[in-house]
Amino acid sequence: MVSDAPSAANTYSKIPNDEVAEDSYELEVISSMSEGSAGCDSLDWIEAKSPLDEGEKTDFYTSDSRSAGQSSQQDFELYTPDEEKAVVKKFDRRLVLFIALLYMLSFLDRSNIGNAKIAGMSRDLHLDSSKYVRALRSFYITYILFEWMTLCYTIFRPSVYIATCVFTWGLFASLQSLTNSFPLLCVLRALLGISEAAFGPGVPVFLSFFYKRSELAWRTGLFISAAPLATSFASSLAWLITKVSERSPIAPWRMLFLIEGFPSILVSIFAFHYIPDEPGKACYLTTREKKVAELRLRKEVQDSHRSGKAKRLDWKEIQETLKDPTCYLTAIMFFSCNVAFSSLPVFLPTIIEDMGYSALKAQALSAPPYLVAFIIVLSTAYCSDRYQSRSVFLCLHSCIATSGYAIISIAGIFKAGAAWRYIGVYLASSGFFSAITLLITWVINNQRSGAKKGTGVAMLNVVGQTGPLVGVHLFPKRQAPYYVQGMAICAVFMALVGVLSLFLRRIFLTKNRKVNAVYAKLENEGCDGGSVGSNTQAFRYMT
């Protein structure tokens, strides 16, 4: 140990090593037990002894950012970087990819109504433009009203909760194949909205139980990128089903709903057994990896992820979040993104068909823009995590989406060729999918506790998901084939996202400077800022 290590009032506790791998470290954690110190934070000294070379000792010094009202004893167990990387990789391959699959299925069941429309549903159910919009609206109304269910991720076991959501939306999506009237279609779309509202908006909160703040954008990007992938897959599958079902006794649009909806019911059974309720209960981790999965998150802010013991809502934290002006700014940004996000997938096949292509070609040409968006979303999320910045990339992609919609609108004004409008679709879809990924991650990054994260995301979605109610009215049939007004409105909303992202960045930078000033003053006085209290913890807003 180094000579100036604290010795007064120290206790020593040996961590059992019976489950530690042979090449791991055996630890002795020495924690200062001095409560009520004179404003200075306690110091933790960690002595690590490697079984491979007991002749050497390495001293580790860590500062524990505890609040004044909590117990001062906080032990951190050391783990090797390779161990942590192995755990993260397993969560990436097993958990995130599976959640992405579920989100892809949900988005597939939500947006395939656009493909069903041009595959004969409008003719068979006698849907005009007004009735089609009302059918879309029925989904989004219930989706908005049940956004509060995001908080359920902090109350119920995720394995049970997620599996139930998947089963119910698969059931309602499949039942759309049996509808024979417009009212029944609206009822099923409304029920589908409830089941999907319970799942999708809260997924980033669920992932925050398993990842650090600095890791979240990439993982959120992985699951959200399933949306453009699902859209491209839906278009390709719709083309195939429509082609194969031309001579079938079952209408192609009914086959489309059935084939794309029923797999969710089957997957829900597997989800119940596969999804872990918390990091230490993942069935695909070894005993040691489960330990590392839990311990590596202890360096995060206190209560940054749900505790398995506390399954109740903290109403004080919920009220604090509801009073936070930045939450309303991000909600307005999400509203603007959703005006574009919700309208393009359900109307793109119709728009491409109105460019002069057949229904089959329209289905096929709907896929490539979303495949490109899939790649762009992942690349953007990776760079955002690497450089620990959200606002810069968010502003960039809002500008890309704005330029895409502007190109489509201007091409319509001058009646330019279909190629110009099709290029604009690539830019628009790549821009708004990436913007949504970063925005959701940004909200979670800047909330400290599980209750605040859940409330922040719920607010984001309750306000933001009213955007589709505007978006579904932007492309009436009378504006075909150019839809100049609808594209121009989407361009304006995406430009607003860019402006607000820069404004929000300035707000967070100002808050960080104030916190830095407080801690600089404490350091000058010879104190560590961790003991100041829960309201002034060493928490920095991500910009």
Protein backbone atom coordinates (compact mmCIF):
# COMPACT_ATOMS: atom_id res chain seq x y z
CA MET A 1 0.00 0.00 0.00
CA VAL A 2 1.17 3.54 -0.53
CA SER A 3 2.36 5.35 2.52
CA ASP A 4 -0.37 7.97 2.69
CA ALA A 5 -3.27 5.53 2.60
CA PRO A 6 -5.90 6.36 5.22
CA SER A 7 -5.70 4.15 8.26
CA ALA A 8 -8.16 5.55 10.81
CA ALA A 9 -11.51 3.84 11.25
CA ASN A 10 -10.89 1.48 8.35
CA THR A 11 -12.39 -1.99 8.06
CA TYR A 12 -11.17 -4.81 5.89
CA SER A 13 -13.41 -7.25 4.08
CA LYS A 14 -12.17 -10.14 1.98
CA ILE A 15 -14.31 -10.85 -1.10
CA PRO A 16 -14.90 -14.61 -1.62
CA ASN A 17 -12.95 -15.92 -4.55
CA ASP A 18 -14.45 -19.37 -4.94
CA GLU A 19 -16.28 -18.38 -8.13
CA VAL A 20 -13.50 -16.32 -9.67
CA ALA A 21 -11.60 -17.67 -12.65
CA GLU A 22 -7.98 -18.70 -12.13
CA ASP A 23 -6.60 -15.72 -14.05
CA SER A 24 -8.77 -13.16 -12.24
CA TYR A 25 -7.75 -10.89 -9.43
CA GLU A 26 -8.29 -11.65 -5.76
CA LEU A 27 -9.30 -8.47 -4.01
CA GLU A 28 -9.14 -6.86 -0.64
CA VAL A 29 -11.37 -3.83 -0.44
CA ILE A 30 -10.57 -1.30 2.19
CA SER A 31 -13.42 1.16 2.71
CA SER A 32 -13.37 4.24 4.85
CA MET A 33 -16.16 4.11 7.43
CA SER A 34 -16.05 7.73 8.53
CA GLU A 35 -19.59 9.11 8.32
CA GLY A 36 -20.22 12.75 8.89
CA SER A 37 -16.78 13.89 7.82
CA ALA A 38 -16.26 17.60 7.54
CA GLY A 39 -17.60 18.03 4.03
CA CYS A 40 -14.96 15.92 2.31
CA ASP A 41 -15.78 12.69 0.51
CA SER A 42 -14.49 9.37 1.76
CA LEU A 43 -11.73 7.63 -0.14
CA ASP A 44 -11.61 4.01 -1.19
CA TRP A 45 -8.29 2.24 -1.45
CA ILE A 46 -8.29 -1.04 -3.30
CA GLU A 47 -5.42 -3.49 -3.02
CA ALA A 48 -5.30 -6.07 -5.78
CA LYS A 49 -3.20 -9.20 -5.65
CA SER A 50 -2.76 -11.31 -8.75
CA PRO A 51 -2.52 -15.06 -8.10
CA LEU A 52 -0.12 -15.28 -11.02
CA ASP A 53 2.39 -12.98 -9.38
CA GLU A 54 1.87 -12.57 -5.65
CA GLY A 55 5.14 -10.72 -5.35
CA GLU A 56 3.68 -7.59 -6.87
CA LYS A 57 0.98 -5.33 -5.47
CA THR A 58 -0.94 -2.71 -7.38
CA ASP A 59 -2.75 0.11 -5.63
CA PHE A 60 -5.95 1.51 -7.06
CA TYR A 61 -7.53 4.74 -5.86
CA THR A 62 -11.15 5.44 -6.56
CA SER A 63 -13.39 8.28 -5.52
CA ASP A 64 -16.87 7.24 -4.45
CA SER A 65 -19.54 9.82 -5.42
CA ARG A 66 -21.95 9.04 -2.61
CA SER A 67 -24.63 11.40 -1.40
CA ALA A 68 -24.45 12.65 2.20
CA GLY A 69 -27.59 10.84 3.29
CA GLN A 70 -26.47 7.37 2.19
CA SER A 71 -24.24 4.89 3.89
CA SER A 72 -20.60 5.71 3.29
CA GLN A 73 -19.56 2.10 2.75
CA GLN A 74 -19.45 1.26 -0.97
CA ASP A 75 -17.22 -1.55 -2.16
CA PHE A 76 -16.06 -1.79 -5.75
CA GLU A 77 -14.73 -5.08 -6.97
CA LEU A 78 -12.10 -5.01 -9.64
CA TYR A 79 -12.53 -6.90 -12.90
CA THR A 80 -10.30 -7.01 -15.91
CA PRO A 81 -11.11 -5.04 -19.08
CA ASP A 82 -11.25 -8.30 -21.01
CA GLU A 83 -13.90 -9.62 -18.66
CA GLU A 84 -16.01 -6.50 -19.13
CA LYS A 85 -15.63 -6.62 -22.91
CA ALA A 86 -16.73 -10.25 -22.94
CA VAL A 87 -19.87 -9.41 -20.97
CA VAL A 88 -20.74 -6.43 -23.17
CA LYS A 89 -20.24 -8.48 -26.34
CA LYS A 90 -22.56 -11.17 -25.03
CA PHE A 91 -25.25 -8.63 -24.24
CA ASP A 92 -24.79 -7.11 -27.70
CA ARG A 93 -25.13 -10.44 -29.48
CA ARG A 94 -27.77 -12.05 -27.28
CA LEU A 95 -29.87 -9.28 -25.74
CA VAL A 96 -29.73 -6.28 -28.08
CA LEU A 97 -30.06 -8.28 -31.29
CA PHE A 98 -33.03 -10.15 -29.86
CA ILE A 99 -34.69 -6.91 -28.76
CA ALA A 100 -33.99 -5.55 -32.26
CA LEU A 101 -35.76 -8.60 -33.70
CA LEU A 102 -38.79 -7.91 -31.51
CA TYR A 103 -38.81 -4.24 -32.50
CA MET A 104 -38.53 -5.23 -36.14
CA LEU A 105 -41.57 -7.46 -35.76
CA SER A 106 -43.52 -4.68 -34.04
CA PHE A 107 -42.64 -2.13 -36.69
CA LEU A 108 -43.44 -4.67 -39.38
CA ASP A 109 -46.92 -5.22 -37.94
CA ARG A 110 -47.45 -1.50 -37.48
CA SER A 111 -46.42 -0.21 -40.91
CA ASN A 112 -47.47 -3.02 -43.26
CA ILE A 113 -50.89 -1.39 -43.64
CA GLY A 114 -49.29 0.86 -46.28
CA ASN A 115 -48.32 -2.18 -48.33
CA ALA A 116 -51.71 -3.81 -47.72
CA LYS A 117 -53.44 -0.68 -48.99
CA ILE A 118 -51.98 -0.92 -52.49
CA ALA A 119 -52.27 -4.74 -52.44
CA GLY A 120 -56.08 -4.55 -52.59
CA MET A 121 -57.25 -3.67 -49.08
CA SER A 122 -58.64 -0.27 -50.13
CA ARG A 123 -60.72 -1.92 -52.84
CA ASP A 124 -62.04 -4.80 -50.73
CA LEU A 125 -62.92 -2.69 -47.68
CA HIS A 126 -64.04 0.33 -49.75
CA LEU A 127 -61.50 2.66 -48.15
CA ASP A 128 -61.13 6.13 -49.57
CA SER A 129 -58.32 8.49 -48.54
CA SER A 130 -60.30 9.78 -45.55
CA LYS A 131 -61.11 6.33 -44.16
CA TYR A 132 -57.51 5.18 -44.60
CA VAL A 133 -56.28 8.14 -42.57
CA ARG A 134 -58.85 7.40 -39.85
CA ALA A 135 -57.61 3.80 -39.68
CA LEU A 136 -54.06 5.06 -39.22
CA ARG A 137 -55.23 7.57 -36.62
CA SER A 138 -56.94 4.88 -34.54
CA PHE A 139 -53.54 3.25 -33.99
CA TYR A 140 -51.77 6.43 -32.96
CA ILE A 141 -54.50 7.64 -30.59
CA THR A 142 -54.24 4.55 -28.39
CA TYR A 143 -50.47 4.50 -28.85
CA ILE A 144 -50.30 8.00 -27.35
CA LEU A 145 -52.80 7.34 -24.56
CA PHE A 146 -50.85 4.32 -23.31
CA GLU A 147 -47.33 5.79 -23.48
CA TRP A 148 -47.31 5.92 -19.69
CA MET A 149 -46.78 2.15 -19.74
CA THR A 150 -43.08 2.88 -20.27
CA LEU A 151 -42.93 3.07 -16.46
CA CYS A 152 -43.98 -0.59 -16.30
CA TYR A 153 -40.40 -1.58 -17.13
CA THR A 154 -39.43 -0.37 -13.64
CA ILE A 155 -42.30 -2.21 -11.94
CA PHE A 156 -42.82 -5.64 -13.55
CA ARG A 157 -40.42 -8.38 -14.50
CA PRO A 158 -39.22 -7.51 -18.02
CA SER A 159 -39.31 -11.14 -19.14
CA VAL A 160 -43.02 -11.45 -18.39
CA TYR A 161 -43.91 -7.92 -19.46
CA ILE A 162 -42.13 -7.99 -22.83
CA ALA A 163 -43.39 -11.48 -23.70
CA THR A 164 -46.97 -10.37 -23.00
CA CYS A 165 -46.57 -7.32 -25.23
CA VAL A 166 -45.16 -9.39 -28.10
CA PHE A 167 -47.96 -11.96 -27.87
CA THR A 168 -50.76 -9.37 -27.85
CA TRP A 169 -49.51 -7.31 -30.78
CA GLY A 170 -48.90 -10.49 -32.80
CA LEU A 171 -52.46 -11.59 -32.10
CA PHE A 172 -54.06 -8.28 -33.11
CA ALA A 173 -51.84 -7.92 -36.18
CA SER A 174 -52.82 -11.40 -37.37
CA LEU A 175 -56.51 -10.78 -36.78
CA GLN A 176 -56.37 -7.90 -39.28
CA SER A 177 -56.32 -10.57 -41.97
CA LEU A 178 -59.89 -11.53 -40.99
CA THR A 179 -61.39 -8.06 -41.02
CA ASN A 180 -64.30 -7.49 -43.39
CA SER A 181 -65.27 -3.93 -42.50
CA PHE A 182 -63.77 -0.54 -41.86
CA PRO A 183 -64.95 -0.30 -38.18
CA LEU A 184 -63.40 -3.68 -37.33
CA LEU A 185 -60.13 -2.60 -38.93
CA CYS A 186 -60.12 0.53 -36.75
CA VAL A 187 -60.75 -1.51 -33.59
CA LEU A 188 -57.89 -3.89 -34.35
CA ARG A 189 -55.55 -1.00 -35.16
CA ALA A 190 -56.45 0.62 -31.84
CA LEU A 191 -55.70 -2.59 -29.91
CA LEU A 192 -52.45 -2.96 -31.83
CA GLY A 193 -51.53 0.57 -30.73
CA ILE A 194 -52.01 -0.31 -27.05
CA SER A 195 -49.83 -3.42 -27.18
CA GLU A 196 -47.02 -1.69 -29.11
CA ALA A 197 -47.10 1.40 -26.87
CA ALA A 198 -46.41 -0.92 -23.95
CA PHE A 199 -43.25 -2.25 -25.61
CA GLY A 200 -41.34 -0.03 -28.02
CA PRO A 201 -41.03 3.33 -26.22
CA GLY A 202 -39.64 1.73 -23.07
CA VAL A 203 -36.98 -0.43 -24.72
CA PRO A 204 -34.21 2.21 -24.30
CA VAL A 205 -35.06 2.35 -20.58
CA PHE A 206 -34.78 -1.43 -20.42
CA LEU A 207 -31.40 -1.36 -22.16
CA SER A 208 -30.15 1.26 -19.69
CA PHE A 209 -30.38 -1.45 -17.00
CA PHE A 210 -27.58 -3.31 -18.81
CA TYR A 211 -25.34 -0.60 -20.27
CA LYS A 212 -23.45 2.50 -19.18
CA ARG A 213 -24.40 5.96 -20.40
CA SER A 214 -21.43 6.03 -22.76
CA GLU A 215 -22.52 2.76 -24.38
CA LEU A 216 -26.20 3.43 -24.88
CA ALA A 217 -26.41 5.22 -28.25
CA TRP A 218 -24.87 2.34 -30.19
CA ARG A 219 -27.19 -0.18 -28.55
CA THR A 220 -30.23 2.06 -29.03
CA GLY A 221 -29.16 2.45 -32.64
CA LEU A 222 -28.98 -1.32 -33.02
CA PHE A 223 -32.57 -1.81 -31.96
CA ILE A 224 -34.03 1.30 -33.65
CA SER A 225 -32.24 0.42 -36.89
CA ALA A 226 -34.55 -2.57 -36.94
CA ALA A 227 -37.28 -0.11 -37.96
CA PRO A 228 -35.82 0.77 -41.38
CA LEU A 229 -34.75 -2.84 -41.77
CA ALA A 230 -38.31 -3.95 -41.04
CA THR A 231 -39.66 -1.41 -43.50
CA SER A 232 -37.36 -2.62 -46.27
CA PHE A 233 -38.14 -6.21 -45.36
CA ALA A 234 -41.85 -5.42 -45.34
CA SER A 235 -41.64 -3.93 -48.81
CA SER A 236 -39.70 -6.90 -50.17
CA LEU A 237 -41.96 -9.41 -48.43
CA ALA A 238 -45.06 -7.53 -49.56
CA TRP A 239 -43.83 -7.69 -53.13
CA LEU A 240 -43.22 -11.45 -52.82
CA ILE A 241 -46.57 -12.16 -51.13
CA THR A 242 -48.43 -10.02 -53.64
CA LYS A 243 -46.72 -11.82 -56.50
CA VAL A 244 -47.33 -15.32 -55.13
CA SER A 245 -50.92 -14.61 -54.02
CA GLU A 246 -52.15 -13.25 -57.33
CA ARG A 247 -53.76 -16.62 -58.14
CA SER A 248 -54.53 -17.59 -54.54
CA PRO A 249 -58.12 -17.74 -53.20
CA ILE A 250 -56.94 -15.59 -50.28
CA ALA A 251 -56.53 -11.90 -51.04
CA PRO A 252 -52.85 -10.81 -51.07
CA TRP A 253 -53.38 -8.15 -48.40
CA ARG A 254 -54.94 -10.72 -46.04
CA MET A 255 -51.98 -13.05 -46.55
CA LEU A 256 -49.71 -10.10 -45.86
CA PHE A 257 -51.26 -9.38 -42.44
CA LEU A 258 -51.27 -13.07 -41.50
CA ILE A 259 -47.73 -13.97 -42.58
CA GLU A 260 -46.20 -10.87 -40.99
CA GLY A 261 -48.25 -10.98 -37.77
CA PHE A 262 -48.28 -14.62 -36.68
CA PRO A 263 -44.49 -15.02 -36.12
CA SER A 264 -44.71 -12.56 -33.20
CA ILE A 265 -46.99 -14.99 -31.34
CA LEU A 266 -44.41 -17.76 -31.66
CA VAL A 267 -41.48 -15.54 -30.70
CA SER A 268 -43.28 -14.36 -27.53
CA ILE A 269 -42.99 -17.85 -26.03
CA PHE A 270 -39.22 -17.83 -26.52
CA ALA A 271 -38.95 -14.25 -25.23
CA PHE A 272 -40.42 -15.24 -21.85
CA HIS A 273 -37.58 -17.70 -21.20
CA TYR A 274 -34.77 -15.75 -22.87
CA ILE A 275 -35.02 -12.13 -21.73
CA PRO A 276 -33.22 -11.46 -18.40
CA ASP A 277 -34.85 -9.37 -15.71
CA GLU A 278 -31.51 -7.82 -14.73
CA PRO A 279 -27.81 -8.18 -15.67
CA GLY A 280 -27.06 -10.82 -13.05
CA LYS A 281 -29.83 -13.13 -14.27
CA ALA A 282 -28.90 -13.55 -17.93
CA CYS A 283 -28.99 -17.28 -18.72
CA TYR A 284 -26.18 -16.99 -21.27
CA LEU A 285 -23.63 -15.57 -18.79
CA THR A 286 -21.32 -17.63 -16.61
CA THR A 287 -21.33 -17.14 -12.83
CA ARG A 288 -18.33 -14.84 -12.99
CA GLU A 289 -19.77 -12.89 -15.94
CA LYS A 290 -22.99 -12.30 -14.01
CA LYS A 291 -20.92 -10.74 -11.23
CA VAL A 292 -19.03 -8.53 -13.66
CA ALA A 293 -22.28 -7.53 -15.39
CA GLU A 294 -23.60 -6.16 -12.11
CA LEU A 295 -20.40 -4.69 -10.70
CA ARG A 296 -19.40 -2.78 -13.81
CA LEU A 297 -22.56 -0.65 -13.50
CA ARG A 298 -21.80 0.40 -9.92
CA LYS A 299 -19.62 3.24 -11.18
CA GLU A 300 -22.69 4.82 -12.73
CA VAL A 301 -24.77 7.40 -10.87
CA GLN A 302 -26.66 5.99 -7.88
CA ASP A 303 -29.99 4.44 -8.91
CA SER A 304 -29.13 4.79 -12.60
CA HIS A 305 -30.68 1.40 -13.18
CA ARG A 306 -33.48 -0.42 -11.48
CA SER A 307 -32.83 -2.29 -8.28
CA GLY A 308 -34.32 -5.73 -8.09
CA LYS A 309 -35.60 -4.92 -4.58
CA ALA A 310 -37.39 -1.67 -5.39
CA LYS A 311 -40.36 -2.26 -7.62
CA ARG A 312 -42.33 0.84 -6.86
CA LEU A 313 -42.46 4.25 -8.44
CA ASP A 314 -40.66 7.21 -6.88
CA TRP A 315 -43.33 9.90 -7.19
CA LYS A 316 -40.95 12.65 -6.07
CA GLU A 317 -38.58 11.91 -8.94
CA ILE A 318 -41.51 11.69 -11.36
CA GLN A 319 -42.66 15.16 -10.29
CA GLU A 320 -39.14 16.55 -10.67
CA THR A 321 -38.96 15.23 -14.20
CA LEU A 322 -42.37 16.65 -15.08
CA LYS A 323 -41.11 20.08 -13.99
CA ASP A 324 -37.93 19.89 -16.09
CA PRO A 325 -38.19 22.28 -19.09
CA THR A 326 -35.60 20.33 -21.10
CA CYS A 327 -37.94 17.33 -21.16
CA TYR A 328 -40.53 19.42 -22.98
CA LEU A 329 -37.95 20.66 -25.47
CA THR A 330 -36.93 17.09 -26.34
CA ALA A 331 -40.62 16.17 -26.57
CA ILE A 332 -41.18 18.94 -29.12
CA MET A 333 -38.18 17.67 -31.07
CA PHE A 334 -39.58 14.14 -30.98
CA PHE A 335 -42.95 15.43 -32.13
CA SER A 336 -41.25 17.06 -35.12
CA CYS A 337 -39.32 13.88 -35.96
CA ASN A 338 -42.47 11.80 -35.75
CA VAL A 339 -44.34 13.99 -38.20
CA ALA A 340 -41.84 12.77 -40.80
CA PHE A 341 -41.13 9.36 -39.29
CA SER A 342 -44.74 8.20 -39.15
CA SER A 343 -45.89 9.49 -42.50
CA LEU A 344 -43.23 8.30 -44.92
CA PRO A 345 -43.29 4.51 -44.22
CA VAL A 346 -47.08 4.20 -44.58
CA PHE A 347 -47.28 6.45 -47.62
CA LEU A 348 -44.02 5.65 -49.45
CA PRO A 349 -45.45 2.74 -51.51
CA THR A 350 -48.32 4.99 -52.59
CA ILE A 351 -45.95 7.87 -53.37
CA ILE A 352 -43.71 5.65 -55.50
CA GLU A 353 -46.74 4.18 -57.24
CA ASP A 354 -47.93 7.72 -58.02
CA MET A 355 -44.53 8.37 -59.63
CA GLY A 356 -45.73 6.13 -62.42
CA TYR A 357 -44.60 2.67 -61.29
CA SER A 358 -46.83 -0.39 -60.96
CA ALA A 359 -47.92 -1.62 -57.54
CA LEU A 360 -45.38 -4.46 -57.64
CA LYS A 361 -42.51 -2.14 -58.57
CA ALA A 362 -43.62 0.33 -55.92
CA GLN A 363 -43.33 -2.41 -53.30
CA ALA A 364 -39.84 -3.32 -54.51
CA LEU A 365 -38.56 0.27 -54.76
CA SER A 366 -39.70 1.01 -51.20
CA ALA A 367 -37.00 -1.25 -49.76
CA PRO A 368 -33.58 0.23 -50.79
CA PRO A 369 -33.96 3.61 -49.00
CA TYR A 370 -34.53 1.85 -45.70
CA LEU A 371 -31.57 -0.49 -46.18
CA VAL A 372 -29.38 2.58 -46.58
CA ALA A 373 -31.00 4.14 -43.51
CA PHE A 374 -30.21 0.97 -41.54
CA ILE A 375 -26.49 1.36 -42.26
CA ILE A 376 -26.50 5.10 -41.58
CA VAL A 377 -28.24 4.69 -38.22
CA LEU A 378 -25.65 2.18 -36.98
CA SER A 379 -22.74 4.30 -38.21
CA THR A 380 -24.14 7.43 -36.58
CA ALA A 381 -24.82 5.72 -33.24
CA TYR A 382 -21.29 4.30 -33.18
CA CYS A 383 -19.72 7.70 -33.85
CA SER A 384 -21.97 9.39 -31.30
CA ASP A 385 -20.83 6.99 -28.56
CA ARG A 386 -17.20 7.22 -29.66
CA TYR A 387 -17.13 11.03 -29.46
CA GLN A 388 -19.63 11.24 -26.57
CA SER A 389 -21.77 13.78 -28.37
CA ARG A 390 -25.47 13.73 -29.20
CA SER A 391 -26.38 17.26 -30.31
CA VAL A 392 -23.81 17.57 -33.11
CA PHE A 393 -24.88 14.38 -34.84
CA LEU A 394 -28.54 15.11 -34.17
CA CYS A 395 -28.28 18.49 -35.83
CA LEU A 396 -26.37 17.00 -38.77
CA HIS A 397 -28.98 14.35 -39.49
CA SER A 398 -31.89 16.72 -39.07
CA CYS A 399 -30.25 18.82 -41.79
CA ILE A 400 -29.89 15.72 -44.00
CA ALA A 401 -33.57 14.88 -43.53
CA THR A 402 -34.53 18.50 -44.21
CA SER A 403 -32.59 18.51 -47.46
CA GLY A 404 -34.23 15.23 -48.51
CA TYR A 405 -37.76 16.49 -48.00
CA ALA A 406 -36.85 19.83 -49.60
CA ILE A 407 -35.55 18.06 -52.70
CA ILE A 408 -38.76 16.04 -53.03
CA SER A 409 -40.89 19.16 -52.57
CA ILE A 410 -38.90 21.33 -54.98
CA ALA A 411 -38.83 18.52 -57.55
CA GLY A 412 -42.61 18.42 -57.29
CA ILE A 413 -42.93 22.16 -57.81
CA PHE A 414 -40.87 22.04 -60.99
CA LYS A 415 -42.34 18.65 -61.98
CA ALA A 416 -38.87 17.13 -62.21
CA GLY A 417 -38.29 13.47 -62.97
CA ALA A 418 -39.09 10.69 -60.51
CA ALA A 419 -35.35 10.08 -59.96
CA TRP A 420 -34.98 13.37 -58.06
CA ARG A 421 -37.82 12.56 -55.69
CA TYR A 422 -36.51 9.03 -55.19
CA ILE A 423 -33.06 10.40 -54.23
CA GLY A 424 -34.77 12.69 -51.72
CA VAL A 425 -36.38 9.66 -50.09
CA TYR A 426 -32.92 8.23 -49.33
CA LEU A 427 -31.83 11.43 -47.59
CA ALA A 428 -35.09 11.86 -45.67
CA SER A 429 -35.23 8.30 -44.31
CA SER A 430 -31.53 8.24 -43.35
CA GLY A 431 -31.87 11.57 -41.57
CA PHE A 432 -34.98 11.07 -39.45
CA PHE A 433 -34.21 7.50 -38.36
CA SER A 434 -30.79 8.61 -37.08
CA ALA A 435 -32.25 11.72 -35.42
CA ILE A 436 -34.80 9.63 -33.53
CA THR A 437 -32.11 7.21 -32.34
CA LEU A 438 -29.95 10.00 -30.93
CA LEU A 439 -32.85 11.89 -29.39
CA ILE A 440 -34.16 8.91 -27.42
CA THR A 441 -30.65 8.10 -26.19
CA TRP A 442 -30.03 11.72 -25.24
CA VAL A 443 -33.12 11.80 -23.02
CA ILE A 444 -32.05 8.66 -21.14
CA ASN A 445 -28.43 9.83 -20.82
CA ASN A 446 -29.48 13.00 -19.03
CA GLN A 447 -31.78 11.39 -16.45
CA ARG A 448 -30.13 10.03 -13.34
CA SER A 449 -32.46 7.34 -11.96
CA GLY A 450 -34.67 4.60 -13.34
CA ALA A 451 -37.85 6.48 -12.39
CA LYS A 452 -36.62 9.65 -14.10
CA LYS A 453 -35.60 7.74 -17.21
CA GLY A 454 -39.01 6.10 -17.41
CA THR A 455 -40.81 9.39 -16.87
CA GLY A 456 -38.59 11.23 -19.33
CA VAL A 457 -39.19 8.67 -22.06
CA ALA A 458 -42.92 8.61 -21.28
CA MET A 459 -43.09 12.41 -21.63
CA LEU A 460 -41.05 12.21 -24.82
CA ASN A 461 -43.53 9.79 -26.32
CA VAL A 462 -46.79 11.23 -24.99
CA VAL A 463 -46.02 14.58 -26.57
CA GLY A 464 -43.91 13.26 -29.43
CA GLN A 465 -46.32 10.61 -30.62
CA THR A 466 -48.94 13.21 -31.37
CA GLY A 467 -46.74 13.93 -34.38
CA PRO A 468 -48.18 11.01 -36.34
CA LEU A 469 -51.66 12.55 -35.95
CA VAL A 470 -50.30 15.40 -38.05
CA GLY A 471 -48.18 13.21 -40.28
CA VAL A 472 -50.97 10.95 -41.48
CA HIS A 473 -52.82 13.98 -42.88
CA LEU A 474 -49.91 15.29 -44.94
CA PHE A 475 -50.39 13.15 -48.03
CA PRO A 476 -54.05 13.28 -49.14
CA LYS A 477 -54.84 11.72 -52.50
CA ARG A 478 -55.76 15.09 -54.01
CA GLN A 479 -52.10 16.19 -53.76
CA ALA A 480 -50.85 13.23 -55.78
CA PRO A 481 -48.47 12.61 -57.45
CA TYR A 482 -46.08 15.25 -56.07
CA TYR A 483 -47.31 15.87 -52.49
CA VAL A 484 -45.48 19.20 -52.47
CA GLN A 485 -47.20 20.57 -49.37
CA GLY A 486 -46.68 17.43 -47.26
CA MET A 487 -42.98 17.21 -48.14
CA ALA A 488 -42.44 20.90 -47.40
CA ILE A 489 -44.09 20.58 -43.97
CA CYS A 490 -41.86 17.60 -43.11
CA ALA A 491 -38.81 19.64 -44.16
CA VAL A 492 -39.79 22.49 -41.82
CA PHE A 493 -40.30 20.15 -38.86
CA MET A 494 -36.94 18.45 -39.37
CA ALA A 495 -35.24 21.87 -39.60
CA LEU A 496 -36.84 22.74 -36.24
CA VAL A 497 -35.23 19.64 -34.73
CA GLY A 498 -31.80 20.89 -35.78
CA VAL A 499 -32.34 24.34 -34.29
CA LEU A 500 -33.66 22.98 -30.98
CA SER A 501 -30.79 20.51 -30.70
CA LEU A 502 -28.28 23.36 -30.74
CA PHE A 503 -30.37 25.32 -28.22
CA LEU A 504 -30.56 22.29 -25.91
CA ARG A 505 -26.82 21.75 -26.25
CA ARG A 506 -26.23 25.28 -24.97
CA ILE A 507 -28.52 24.67 -21.99
CA PHE A 508 -26.66 21.51 -20.97
CA LEU A 509 -23.25 23.13 -21.44
CA THR A 510 -24.34 25.95 -19.14
CA LYS A 511 -25.52 23.48 -16.49
CA ASN A 512 -22.23 21.56 -16.72
CA ARG A 513 -20.22 24.76 -16.28
CA LYS A 514 -22.15 25.55 -13.11
CA VAL A 515 -21.49 22.08 -11.70
CA ASN A 516 -17.81 22.32 -12.63
CA ALA A 517 -17.56 25.65 -10.84
CA VAL A 518 -18.99 24.10 -7.65
CA TYR A 519 -16.56 21.20 -7.72
CA ALA A 520 -13.62 23.44 -8.55
CA LYS A 521 -14.41 25.45 -5.44
CA LEU A 522 -14.62 22.30 -3.31
CA GLU A 523 -11.30 21.02 -4.66
CA ASN A 524 -9.67 24.33 -3.81
CA GLU A 525 -10.93 23.86 -0.26
CA GLY A 526 -9.37 20.39 -0.16
CA CYS A 527 -12.64 18.50 -0.41
CA ASP A 528 -14.06 16.03 -2.91
CA GLY A 529 -17.47 16.99 -4.32
CA GLY A 530 -19.03 13.60 -3.78
CA SER A 531 -20.19 14.47 -0.27
CA VAL A 532 -22.06 17.63 -1.22
CA GLY A 533 -25.39 15.84 -1.57
CA SER A 534 -27.67 14.20 -4.07
CA ASN A 535 -28.59 17.50 -5.72
CA THR A 536 -24.99 18.30 -6.60
CA GLN A 537 -23.49 14.90 -7.39
CA ALA A 538 -20.75 14.63 -9.96
CA PHE A 539 -23.31 14.23 -12.73
CA ARG A 540 -22.54 15.80 -16.09
CA TYR A 541 -25.13 16.26 -18.81
CA MET A 542 -24.23 14.74 -22.11
CA THR A 543 -24.22 17.29 -24.91
